[in-house]
Amino acid sequence: QSPLPGVDEALVIAGSDRRGAIYGVYELSEQIGVSPWYD
């Protein structure tokens, strides 16, 4: 809730390092139904 001025609510994906953030992004992709093997 209200992570920054002007933003009422956000889904925040934060990584400890670059691959941490990348894995969080692709986790969301998989959760919404996009398989790693879509390609």
PDB file of all heavy atoms in Angstrom:
ATOM      1  N   GLN A   1       0.845  -1.189   0.000  1.00  0.00           N
ATOM      2  CA  GLN A   1       0.000   0.000   0.000  1.00  0.00           C
ATOM      3  C   GLN A   1       0.886   1.246   0.000  1.00  0.00           C
ATOM      4  O   GLN A   1       1.833   1.340   0.779  1.00  0.00           O
ATOM      5  CB  GLN A   1      -0.907   0.022   1.247  1.00  0.00           C
ATOM      6  CG  GLN A   1      -1.872  -1.153   1.342  1.00  0.00           C
ATOM      7  CD  GLN A   1      -3.011  -1.039   0.349  1.00  0.00           C
ATOM      8  OE1 GLN A   1      -3.407   0.067  -0.044  1.00  0.00           O
ATOM      9  NE2 GLN A   1      -3.553  -2.184  -0.064  1.00  0.00           N
ATOM     10  N   SER A   2       0.585   2.191  -0.889  1.00  0.00           N
ATOM     11  CA  SER A   2       1.280   3.481  -0.961  1.00  0.00           C
ATOM     12  C   SER A   2       2.801   3.333  -0.905  1.00  0.00           C
ATOM     13  O   SER A   2       3.468   3.904  -0.030  1.00  0.00           O
ATOM     14  CB  SER A   2       0.803   4.403   0.173  1.00  0.00           C
ATOM     15  OG  SER A   2      -0.593   4.564   0.137  1.00  0.00           O
ATOM     16  N   PRO A   3       3.392   2.580  -1.814  1.00  0.00           N
ATOM     17  CA  PRO A   3       4.849   2.408  -1.764  1.00  0.00           C
ATOM     18  C   PRO A   3       5.606   3.680  -2.077  1.00  0.00           C
ATOM     19  O   PRO A   3       6.716   3.886  -1.570  1.00  0.00           O
ATOM     20  CB  PRO A   3       5.094   1.341  -2.836  1.00  0.00           C
ATOM     21  CG  PRO A   3       3.967   1.508  -3.801  1.00  0.00           C
ATOM     22  CD  PRO A   3       2.783   1.887  -2.961  1.00  0.00           C
ATOM     23  N   LEU A   4       4.998   4.554  -2.897  1.00  0.00           N
ATOM     24  CA  LEU A   4       5.624   5.813  -3.305  1.00  0.00           C
ATOM     25  C   LEU A   4       4.532   6.869  -3.465  1.00  0.00           C
ATOM     26  O   LEU A   4       3.357   6.538  -3.669  1.00  0.00           O
ATOM     27  CB  LEU A   4       6.361   5.627  -4.637  1.00  0.00           C
ATOM     28  CG  LEU A   4       7.581   4.682  -4.650  1.00  0.00           C
ATOM     29  CD1 LEU A   4       7.984   4.380  -6.082  1.00  0.00           C
ATOM     30  CD2 LEU A   4       8.736   5.291  -3.865  1.00  0.00           C
ATOM     31  N   PRO A   5       4.890   8.136  -3.391  1.00  0.00           N
ATOM     32  CA  PRO A   5       3.886   9.186  -3.610  1.00  0.00           C
ATOM     33  C   PRO A   5       3.217   9.024  -4.972  1.00  0.00           C
ATOM     34  O   PRO A   5       3.890   8.827  -5.990  1.00  0.00           O
ATOM     35  CB  PRO A   5       4.717  10.473  -3.544  1.00  0.00           C
ATOM     36  CG  PRO A   5       5.888  10.121  -2.684  1.00  0.00           C
ATOM     37  CD  PRO A   5       6.210   8.704  -3.011  1.00  0.00           C
ATOM     38  N   GLY A   6       1.895   9.068  -4.978  1.00  0.00           N
ATOM     39  CA  GLY A   6       1.148   8.954  -6.223  1.00  0.00           C
ATOM     40  C   GLY A   6       0.780   7.534  -6.603  1.00  0.00           C
ATOM     41  O   GLY A   6       0.015   7.312  -7.548  1.00  0.00           O
ATOM     42  N   VAL A   7       1.329   6.558  -5.900  1.00  0.00           N
ATOM     43  CA  VAL A   7       1.013   5.148  -6.162  1.00  0.00           C
ATOM     44  C   VAL A   7       0.214   4.622  -4.977  1.00  0.00           C
ATOM     45  O   VAL A   7       0.730   4.530  -3.863  1.00  0.00           O
ATOM     46  CB  VAL A   7       2.287   4.303  -6.356  1.00  0.00           C
ATOM     47  CG1 VAL A   7       1.923   2.849  -6.666  1.00  0.00           C
ATOM     48  CG2 VAL A   7       3.159   4.886  -7.459  1.00  0.00           C
ATOM     49  N   ASP A   8      -1.055   4.293  -5.230  1.00  0.00           N
ATOM     50  CA  ASP A   8      -1.917   3.835  -4.140  1.00  0.00           C
ATOM     51  C   ASP A   8      -1.569   2.423  -3.691  1.00  0.00           C
ATOM     52  O   ASP A   8      -1.567   2.121  -2.498  1.00  0.00           O
ATOM     53  CB  ASP A   8      -3.386   3.881  -4.582  1.00  0.00           C
ATOM     54  CG  ASP A   8      -3.864   5.299  -4.874  1.00  0.00           C
ATOM     55  OD1 ASP A   8      -3.321   6.238  -4.254  1.00  0.00           O
ATOM     56  OD2 ASP A   8      -4.751   5.466  -5.730  1.00  0.00           O
ATOM     57  N   GLU A   9      -1.290   1.559  -4.657  1.00  0.00           N
ATOM     58  CA  GLU A   9      -0.938   0.177  -4.327  1.00  0.00           C
ATOM     59  C   GLU A   9      -0.134  -0.407  -5.485  1.00  0.00           C
ATOM     60  O   GLU A   9      -0.371  -0.092  -6.653  1.00  0.00           O
ATOM     61  CB  GLU A   9      -2.185  -0.681  -4.080  1.00  0.00           C
ATOM     62  CG  GLU A   9      -1.863  -2.082  -3.576  1.00  0.00           C
ATOM     63  CD  GLU A   9      -3.092  -2.908  -3.229  1.00  0.00           C
ATOM     64  OE1 GLU A   9      -4.178  -2.592  -3.750  1.00  0.00           O
ATOM     65  OE2 GLU A   9      -2.961  -3.869  -2.452  1.00  0.00           O
ATOM     66  N   ALA A  10       0.808  -1.274  -5.145  1.00  0.00           N
ATOM     67  CA  ALA A  10       1.644  -1.888  -6.186  1.00  0.00           C
ATOM     68  C   ALA A  10       2.013  -3.299  -5.788  1.00  0.00           C
ATOM     69  O   ALA A  10       2.078  -3.639  -4.599  1.00  0.00           O
ATOM     70  CB  ALA A  10       2.905  -1.063  -6.425  1.00  0.00           C
ATOM     71  N   LEU A  11       2.228  -4.101  -6.814  1.00  0.00           N
ATOM     72  CA  LEU A  11       2.887  -5.386  -6.605  1.00  0.00           C
ATOM     73  C   LEU A  11       4.370  -5.105  -6.806  1.00  0.00           C
ATOM     74  O   LEU A  11       4.805  -4.768  -7.912  1.00  0.00           O
ATOM     75  CB  LEU A  11       2.397  -6.431  -7.613  1.00  0.00           C
ATOM     76  CG  LEU A  11       3.091  -7.800  -7.519  1.00  0.00           C
ATOM     77  CD1 LEU A  11       2.826  -8.447  -6.162  1.00  0.00           C
ATOM     78  CD2 LEU A  11       2.635  -8.720  -8.652  1.00  0.00           C
ATOM     79  N   VAL A  12       5.136  -5.211  -5.734  1.00  0.00           N
ATOM     80  CA  VAL A  12       6.559  -4.889  -5.757  1.00  0.00           C
ATOM     81  C   VAL A  12       7.350  -6.189  -5.826  1.00  0.00           C
ATOM     82  O   VAL A  12       7.198  -7.065  -4.964  1.00  0.00           O
ATOM     83  CB  VAL A  12       6.972  -4.065  -4.521  1.00  0.00           C
ATOM     84  CG1 VAL A  12       8.471  -3.826  -4.511  1.00  0.00           C
ATOM     85  CG2 VAL A  12       6.212  -2.739  -4.492  1.00  0.00           C
ATOM     86  N   ILE A  13       8.186  -6.325  -6.854  1.00  0.00           N
ATOM     87  CA  ILE A  13       9.064  -7.484  -7.001  1.00  0.00           C
ATOM     88  C   ILE A  13      10.493  -6.990  -6.838  1.00  0.00           C
ATOM     89  O   ILE A  13      11.025  -6.292  -7.697  1.00  0.00           O
ATOM     90  CB  ILE A  13       8.889  -8.161  -8.366  1.00  0.00           C
ATOM     91  CG1 ILE A  13       7.432  -8.604  -8.564  1.00  0.00           C
ATOM     92  CG2 ILE A  13       9.834  -9.355  -8.501  1.00  0.00           C
ATOM     93  CD1 ILE A  13       7.145  -9.168  -9.958  1.00  0.00           C
ATOM     94  N   ALA A  14      11.089  -7.322  -5.689  1.00  0.00           N
ATOM     95  CA  ALA A  14      12.441  -6.849  -5.367  1.00  0.00           C
ATOM     96  C   ALA A  14      13.386  -8.037  -5.289  1.00  0.00           C
ATOM     97  O   ALA A  14      13.051  -9.069  -4.692  1.00  0.00           O
ATOM     98  CB  ALA A  14      12.434  -6.089  -4.043  1.00  0.00           C
ATOM     99  N   GLY A  15      14.569  -7.898  -5.891  1.00  0.00           N
ATOM    100  CA  GLY A  15      15.547  -8.968  -5.875  1.00  0.00           C
ATOM    101  C   GLY A  15      16.782  -8.602  -5.092  1.00  0.00           C
ATOM    102  O   GLY A  15      17.201  -7.439  -5.076  1.00  0.00           O
ATOM    103  N   SER A  16      17.395  -9.591  -4.442  1.00  0.00           N
ATOM    104  CA  SER A  16      18.635  -9.343  -3.703  1.00  0.00           C
ATOM    105  C   SER A  16      19.772  -8.992  -4.647  1.00  0.00           C
ATOM    106  O   SER A  16      20.725  -8.321  -4.270  1.00  0.00           O
ATOM    107  CB  SER A  16      19.014 -10.583  -2.896  1.00  0.00           C
ATOM    108  OG  SER A  16      19.238 -11.697  -3.756  1.00  0.00           O
ATOM    109  N   ASP A  17      19.679  -9.468  -5.879  1.00  0.00           N
ATOM    110  CA  ASP A  17      20.647  -9.197  -6.932  1.00  0.00           C
ATOM    111  C   ASP A  17      19.886  -9.282  -8.246  1.00  0.00           C
ATOM    112  O   ASP A  17      18.666  -9.443  -8.257  1.00  0.00           O
ATOM    113  CB  ASP A  17      21.817 -10.183  -6.880  1.00  0.00           C
ATOM    114  CG  ASP A  17      21.356 -11.633  -6.723  1.00  0.00           C
ATOM    115  OD1 ASP A  17      20.293 -11.985  -7.282  1.00  0.00           O
ATOM    116  OD2 ASP A  17      22.047 -12.418  -6.043  1.00  0.00           O
ATOM    117  N   ARG A  18      20.594  -9.185  -9.362  1.00  0.00           N
ATOM    118  CA  ARG A  18      19.874  -9.111 -10.626  1.00  0.00           C
ATOM    119  C   ARG A  18      19.089 -10.379 -10.921  1.00  0.00           C
ATOM    120  O   ARG A  18      17.947 -10.300 -11.381  1.00  0.00           O
ATOM    121  CB  ARG A  18      20.821  -8.778 -11.765  1.00  0.00           C
ATOM    122  CG  ARG A  18      21.938  -9.778 -12.063  1.00  0.00           C
ATOM    123  CD  ARG A  18      22.696  -9.326 -13.291  1.00  0.00           C
ATOM    124  NE  ARG A  18      23.817 -10.197 -13.649  1.00  0.00           N
ATOM    125  CZ  ARG A  18      24.453 -10.106 -14.805  1.00  0.00           C
ATOM    126  NH1 ARG A  18      24.073  -9.199 -15.698  1.00  0.00           N
ATOM    127  NH2 ARG A  18      25.464 -10.903 -15.081  1.00  0.00           N
ATOM    128  N   ARG A  19      19.675 -11.557 -10.637  1.00  0.00           N
ATOM    129  CA  ARG A  19      18.917 -12.765 -10.916  1.00  0.00           C
ATOM    130  C   ARG A  19      17.779 -12.963  -9.927  1.00  0.00           C
ATOM    131  O   ARG A  19      16.749 -13.563 -10.270  1.00  0.00           O
ATOM    132  CB  ARG A  19      19.850 -13.978 -10.956  1.00  0.00           C
ATOM    133  CG  ARG A  19      20.555 -14.107 -12.312  1.00  0.00           C
ATOM    134  CD  ARG A  19      21.322 -15.395 -12.427  1.00  0.00           C
ATOM    135  NE  ARG A  19      22.449 -15.472 -11.512  1.00  0.00           N
ATOM    136  CZ  ARG A  19      23.650 -14.978 -11.767  1.00  0.00           C
ATOM    137  NH1 ARG A  19      23.899 -14.359 -12.913  1.00  0.00           N
ATOM    138  NH2 ARG A  19      24.624 -15.102 -10.882  1.00  0.00           N
ATOM    139  N   GLY A  20      17.930 -12.466  -8.711  1.00  0.00           N
ATOM    140  CA  GLY A  20      16.810 -12.523  -7.794  1.00  0.00           C
ATOM    141  C   GLY A  20      15.609 -11.795  -8.371  1.00  0.00           C
ATOM    142  O   GLY A  20      14.485 -12.305  -8.386  1.00  0.00           O
ATOM    143  N   ALA A  21      15.820 -10.571  -8.872  1.00  0.00           N
ATOM    144  CA  ALA A  21      14.736  -9.799  -9.480  1.00  0.00           C
ATOM    145  C   ALA A  21      14.202 -10.492 -10.724  1.00  0.00           C
ATOM    146  O   ALA A  21      12.982 -10.546 -10.956  1.00  0.00           O
ATOM    147  CB  ALA A  21      15.223  -8.393  -9.819  1.00  0.00           C
ATOM    148  N   ILE A  22      15.090 -11.046 -11.540  1.00  0.00           N
ATOM    149  CA  ILE A  22      14.676 -11.746 -12.763  1.00  0.00           C
ATOM    150  C   ILE A  22      13.799 -12.943 -12.421  1.00  0.00           C
ATOM    151  O   ILE A  22      12.752 -13.166 -13.051  1.00  0.00           O
ATOM    152  CB  ILE A  22      15.909 -12.172 -13.576  1.00  0.00           C
ATOM    153  CG1 ILE A  22      16.612 -10.951 -14.171  1.00  0.00           C
ATOM    154  CG2 ILE A  22      15.519 -13.152 -14.683  1.00  0.00           C
ATOM    155  CD1 ILE A  22      18.000 -11.242 -14.726  1.00  0.00           C
ATOM    156  N   TYR A  23      14.185 -13.712 -11.415  1.00  0.00           N
ATOM    157  CA  TYR A  23      13.387 -14.878 -11.037  1.00  0.00           C
ATOM    158  C   TYR A  23      12.016 -14.471 -10.511  1.00  0.00           C
ATOM    159  O   TYR A  23      11.014 -15.157 -10.747  1.00  0.00           O
ATOM    160  CB  TYR A  23      14.112 -15.710  -9.984  1.00  0.00           C
ATOM    161  CG  TYR A  23      15.406 -16.335 -10.454  1.00  0.00           C
ATOM    162  CD1 TYR A  23      16.451 -16.579  -9.561  1.00  0.00           C
ATOM    163  CD2 TYR A  23      15.606 -16.685 -11.784  1.00  0.00           C
ATOM    164  CE1 TYR A  23      17.643 -17.138  -9.977  1.00  0.00           C
ATOM    165  CE2 TYR A  23      16.791 -17.254 -12.216  1.00  0.00           C
ATOM    166  CZ  TYR A  23      17.810 -17.478 -11.311  1.00  0.00           C
ATOM    167  OH  TYR A  23      18.993 -18.038 -11.728  1.00  0.00           O
ATOM    168  N   GLY A  24      11.967 -13.352  -9.773  1.00  0.00           N
ATOM    169  CA  GLY A  24      10.676 -12.866  -9.303  1.00  0.00           C
ATOM    170  C   GLY A  24       9.764 -12.494 -10.452  1.00  0.00           C
ATOM    171  O   GLY A  24       8.556 -12.769 -10.435  1.00  0.00           O
ATOM    172  N   VAL A  25      10.328 -11.876 -11.480  1.00  0.00           N
ATOM    173  CA  VAL A  25       9.548 -11.506 -12.670  1.00  0.00           C
ATOM    174  C   VAL A  25       9.011 -12.753 -13.356  1.00  0.00           C
ATOM    175  O   VAL A  25       7.811 -12.843 -13.686  1.00  0.00           O
ATOM    176  CB  VAL A  25      10.421 -10.694 -13.646  1.00  0.00           C
ATOM    177  CG1 VAL A  25       9.749 -10.556 -15.006  1.00  0.00           C
ATOM    178  CG2 VAL A  25      10.712  -9.314 -13.065  1.00  0.00           C
ATOM    179  N   TYR A  26       9.883 -13.740 -13.573  1.00  0.00           N
ATOM    180  CA  TYR A  26       9.446 -14.939 -14.284  1.00  0.00           C
ATOM    181  C   TYR A  26       8.532 -15.816 -13.425  1.00  0.00           C
ATOM    182  O   TYR A  26       7.748 -16.608 -13.953  1.00  0.00           O
ATOM    183  CB  TYR A  26      10.645 -15.718 -14.802  1.00  0.00           C
ATOM    184  CG  TYR A  26      11.305 -15.040 -15.985  1.00  0.00           C
ATOM    185  CD1 TYR A  26      12.692 -14.951 -16.091  1.00  0.00           C
ATOM    186  CD2 TYR A  26      10.544 -14.471 -17.003  1.00  0.00           C
ATOM    187  CE1 TYR A  26      13.298 -14.323 -17.173  1.00  0.00           C
ATOM    188  CE2 TYR A  26      11.136 -13.828 -18.076  1.00  0.00           C
ATOM    189  CZ  TYR A  26      12.508 -13.764 -18.161  1.00  0.00           C
ATOM    190  OH  TYR A  26      13.088 -13.136 -19.230  1.00  0.00           O
ATOM    191  N   GLU A  27       8.625 -15.675 -12.100  1.00  0.00           N
ATOM    192  CA  GLU A  27       7.655 -16.340 -11.230  1.00  0.00           C
ATOM    193  C   GLU A  27       6.254 -15.797 -11.500  1.00  0.00           C
ATOM    194  O   GLU A  27       5.287 -16.556 -11.620  1.00  0.00           O
ATOM    195  CB  GLU A  27       8.025 -16.139  -9.759  1.00  0.00           C
ATOM    196  CG  GLU A  27       7.076 -16.812  -8.782  1.00  0.00           C
ATOM    197  CD  GLU A  27       7.100 -18.326  -8.894  1.00  0.00           C
ATOM    198  OE1 GLU A  27       8.193 -18.913  -8.884  1.00  0.00           O
ATOM    199  OE2 GLU A  27       6.012 -18.912  -8.999  1.00  0.00           O
ATOM    200  N   LEU A  28       6.153 -14.473 -11.606  1.00  0.00           N
ATOM    201  CA  LEU A  28       4.851 -13.880 -11.903  1.00  0.00           C
ATOM    202  C   LEU A  28       4.364 -14.327 -13.277  1.00  0.00           C
ATOM    203  O   LEU A  28       3.175 -14.639 -13.450  1.00  0.00           O
ATOM    204  CB  LEU A  28       4.937 -12.358 -11.833  1.00  0.00           C
ATOM    205  CG  LEU A  28       3.625 -11.605 -12.110  1.00  0.00           C
ATOM    206  CD1 LEU A  28       2.525 -12.026 -11.132  1.00  0.00           C
ATOM    207  CD2 LEU A  28       3.844 -10.095 -12.046  1.00  0.00           C
ATOM    208  N   SER A  29       5.260 -14.367 -14.259  1.00  0.00           N
ATOM    209  CA  SER A  29       4.873 -14.833 -15.593  1.00  0.00           C
ATOM    210  C   SER A  29       4.268 -16.229 -15.532  1.00  0.00           C
ATOM    211  O   SER A  29       3.235 -16.509 -16.147  1.00  0.00           O
ATOM    212  CB  SER A  29       6.087 -14.854 -16.522  1.00  0.00           C
ATOM    213  OG  SER A  29       6.510 -13.550 -16.853  1.00  0.00           O
ATOM    214  N   GLU A  30       4.922 -17.106 -14.772  1.00  0.00           N
ATOM    215  CA  GLU A  30       4.424 -18.478 -14.680  1.00  0.00           C
ATOM    216  C   GLU A  30       3.094 -18.531 -13.932  1.00  0.00           C
ATOM    217  O   GLU A  30       2.189 -19.306 -14.280  1.00  0.00           O
ATOM    218  CB  GLU A  30       5.473 -19.357 -14.001  1.00  0.00           C
ATOM    219  CG  GLU A  30       5.272 -20.825 -14.259  1.00  0.00           C
ATOM    220  CD  GLU A  30       6.513 -21.656 -13.953  1.00  0.00           C
ATOM    221  OE1 GLU A  30       7.570 -21.077 -13.637  1.00  0.00           O
ATOM    222  OE2 GLU A  30       6.412 -22.895 -14.048  1.00  0.00           O
ATOM    223  N   GLN A  31       2.956 -17.691 -12.909  1.00  0.00           N
ATOM    224  CA  GLN A  31       1.712 -17.677 -12.141  1.00  0.00           C
ATOM    225  C   GLN A  31       0.513 -17.219 -12.974  1.00  0.00           C
ATOM    226  O   GLN A  31      -0.608 -17.668 -12.756  1.00  0.00           O
ATOM    227  CB  GLN A  31       1.867 -16.768 -10.910  1.00  0.00           C
ATOM    228  CG  GLN A  31       2.845 -17.270  -9.860  1.00  0.00           C
ATOM    229  CD  GLN A  31       2.324 -18.441  -9.053  1.00  0.00           C
ATOM    230  OE1 GLN A  31       1.124 -18.664  -8.976  1.00  0.00           O
ATOM    231  NE2 GLN A  31       3.224 -19.198  -8.444  1.00  0.00           N
ATOM    232  N   ILE A  32       0.753 -16.320 -13.934  1.00  0.00           N
ATOM    233  CA  ILE A  32      -0.376 -15.863 -14.760  1.00  0.00           C
ATOM    234  C   ILE A  32      -0.638 -16.798 -15.942  1.00  0.00           C
ATOM    235  O   ILE A  32      -1.541 -16.550 -16.742  1.00  0.00           O
ATOM    236  CB  ILE A  32      -0.172 -14.420 -15.273  1.00  0.00           C
ATOM    237  CG1 ILE A  32       1.009 -14.317 -16.234  1.00  0.00           C
ATOM    238  CG2 ILE A  32      -0.040 -13.454 -14.096  1.00  0.00           C
ATOM    239  CD1 ILE A  32       1.163 -12.938 -16.880  1.00  0.00           C
ATOM    240  N   GLY A  33       0.169 -17.875 -16.037  1.00  0.00           N
ATOM    241  CA  GLY A  33      -0.141 -18.906 -17.015  1.00  0.00           C
ATOM    242  C   GLY A  33       0.791 -19.039 -18.193  1.00  0.00           C
ATOM    243  O   GLY A  33       0.480 -19.758 -19.147  1.00  0.00           O
ATOM    244  N   VAL A  34       1.970 -18.378 -18.149  1.00  0.00           N
ATOM    245  CA  VAL A  34       2.927 -18.482 -19.248  1.00  0.00           C
ATOM    246  C   VAL A  34       4.018 -19.472 -18.852  1.00  0.00           C
ATOM    247  O   VAL A  34       4.828 -19.201 -17.968  1.00  0.00           O
ATOM    248  CB  VAL A  34       3.544 -17.114 -19.603  1.00  0.00           C
ATOM    249  CG1 VAL A  34       4.540 -17.277 -20.752  1.00  0.00           C
ATOM    250  CG2 VAL A  34       2.461 -16.124 -19.974  1.00  0.00           C
ATOM    251  N   SER A  35       4.035 -20.631 -19.499  1.00  0.00           N
ATOM    252  CA  SER A  35       5.025 -21.661 -19.202  1.00  0.00           C
ATOM    253  C   SER A  35       6.412 -21.214 -19.642  1.00  0.00           C
ATOM    254  O   SER A  35       6.562 -20.542 -20.667  1.00  0.00           O
ATOM    255  CB  SER A  35       4.662 -22.953 -19.940  1.00  0.00           C
ATOM    256  OG  SER A  35       5.742 -23.873 -19.926  1.00  0.00           O
ATOM    257  N   PRO A  36       7.470 -21.622 -18.899  1.00  0.00           N
ATOM    258  CA  PRO A  36       8.829 -21.363 -19.385  1.00  0.00           C
ATOM    259  C   PRO A  36       9.063 -21.937 -20.777  1.00  0.00           C
ATOM    260  O   PRO A  36       9.928 -21.476 -21.507  1.00  0.00           O
ATOM    261  CB  PRO A  36       9.715 -22.060 -18.347  1.00  0.00           C
ATOM    262  CG  PRO A  36       8.891 -22.082 -17.095  1.00  0.00           C
ATOM    263  CD  PRO A  36       7.483 -22.263 -17.566  1.00  0.00           C
ATOM    264  N   TRP A  37       8.273 -22.925 -21.164  1.00  0.00           N
ATOM    265  CA  TRP A  37       8.413 -23.619 -22.439  1.00  0.00           C
ATOM    266  C   TRP A  37       7.446 -23.092 -23.495  1.00  0.00           C
ATOM    267  O   TRP A  37       7.179 -23.774 -24.493  1.00  0.00           O
ATOM    268  CB  TRP A  37       8.201 -25.117 -22.244  1.00  0.00           C
ATOM    269  CG  TRP A  37       9.261 -25.741 -21.391  1.00  0.00           C
ATOM    270  CD1 TRP A  37       9.198 -25.977 -20.048  1.00  0.00           C
ATOM    271  CD2 TRP A  37      10.547 -26.193 -21.808  1.00  0.00           C
ATOM    272  NE1 TRP A  37      10.372 -26.548 -19.601  1.00  0.00           N
ATOM    273  CE2 TRP A  37      11.205 -26.697 -20.664  1.00  0.00           C
ATOM    274  CE3 TRP A  37      11.207 -26.223 -23.036  1.00  0.00           C
ATOM    275  CZ2 TRP A  37      12.498 -27.217 -20.723  1.00  0.00           C
ATOM    276  CZ3 TRP A  37      12.489 -26.749 -23.086  1.00  0.00           C
ATOM    277  CH2 TRP A  37      13.124 -27.243 -21.946  1.00  0.00           C
ATOM    278  N   TYR A  38       6.917 -21.880 -23.311  1.00  0.00           N
ATOM    279  CA  TYR A  38       5.971 -21.330 -24.287  1.00  0.00           C
ATOM    280  C   TYR A  38       6.609 -21.207 -25.670  1.00  0.00           C
ATOM    281  O   TYR A  38       5.928 -21.333 -26.702  1.00  0.00           O
ATOM    282  CB  TYR A  38       5.483 -19.930 -23.839  1.00  0.00           C
ATOM    283  CG  TYR A  38       6.463 -18.828 -24.134  1.00  0.00           C
ATOM    284  CD1 TYR A  38       6.382 -18.078 -25.303  1.00  0.00           C
ATOM    285  CD2 TYR A  38       7.518 -18.547 -23.255  1.00  0.00           C
ATOM    286  CE1 TYR A  38       7.316 -17.077 -25.582  1.00  0.00           C
ATOM    287  CE2 TYR A  38       8.443 -17.565 -23.541  1.00  0.00           C
ATOM    288  CZ  TYR A  38       8.344 -16.831 -24.704  1.00  0.00           C
ATOM    289  OH  TYR A  38       9.269 -15.865 -24.992  1.00  0.00           O
ATOM    290  N   ASP A  39       7.923 -20.979 -25.705  1.00  0.00           N
ATOM    291  CA  ASP A  39       8.634 -20.801 -26.963  1.00  0.00           C
ATOM    292  C   ASP A  39       9.152 -22.128 -27.481  1.00  0.00           C
ATOM    293  O   ASP A  39       8.730 -22.619 -28.524  1.00  0.00           O
ATOM    294  CB  ASP A  39       9.779 -19.803 -26.759  1.00  0.00           C
ATOM    295  CG  ASP A  39      10.586 -19.525 -28.031  1.00  0.00           C
ATOM    296  OD1 ASP A  39      10.101 -19.856 -29.122  1.00  0.00           O
ATOM    297  OD2 ASP A  39      11.693 -18.969 -27.930  1.00  0.00           O
TER     298      ASP A  39
END
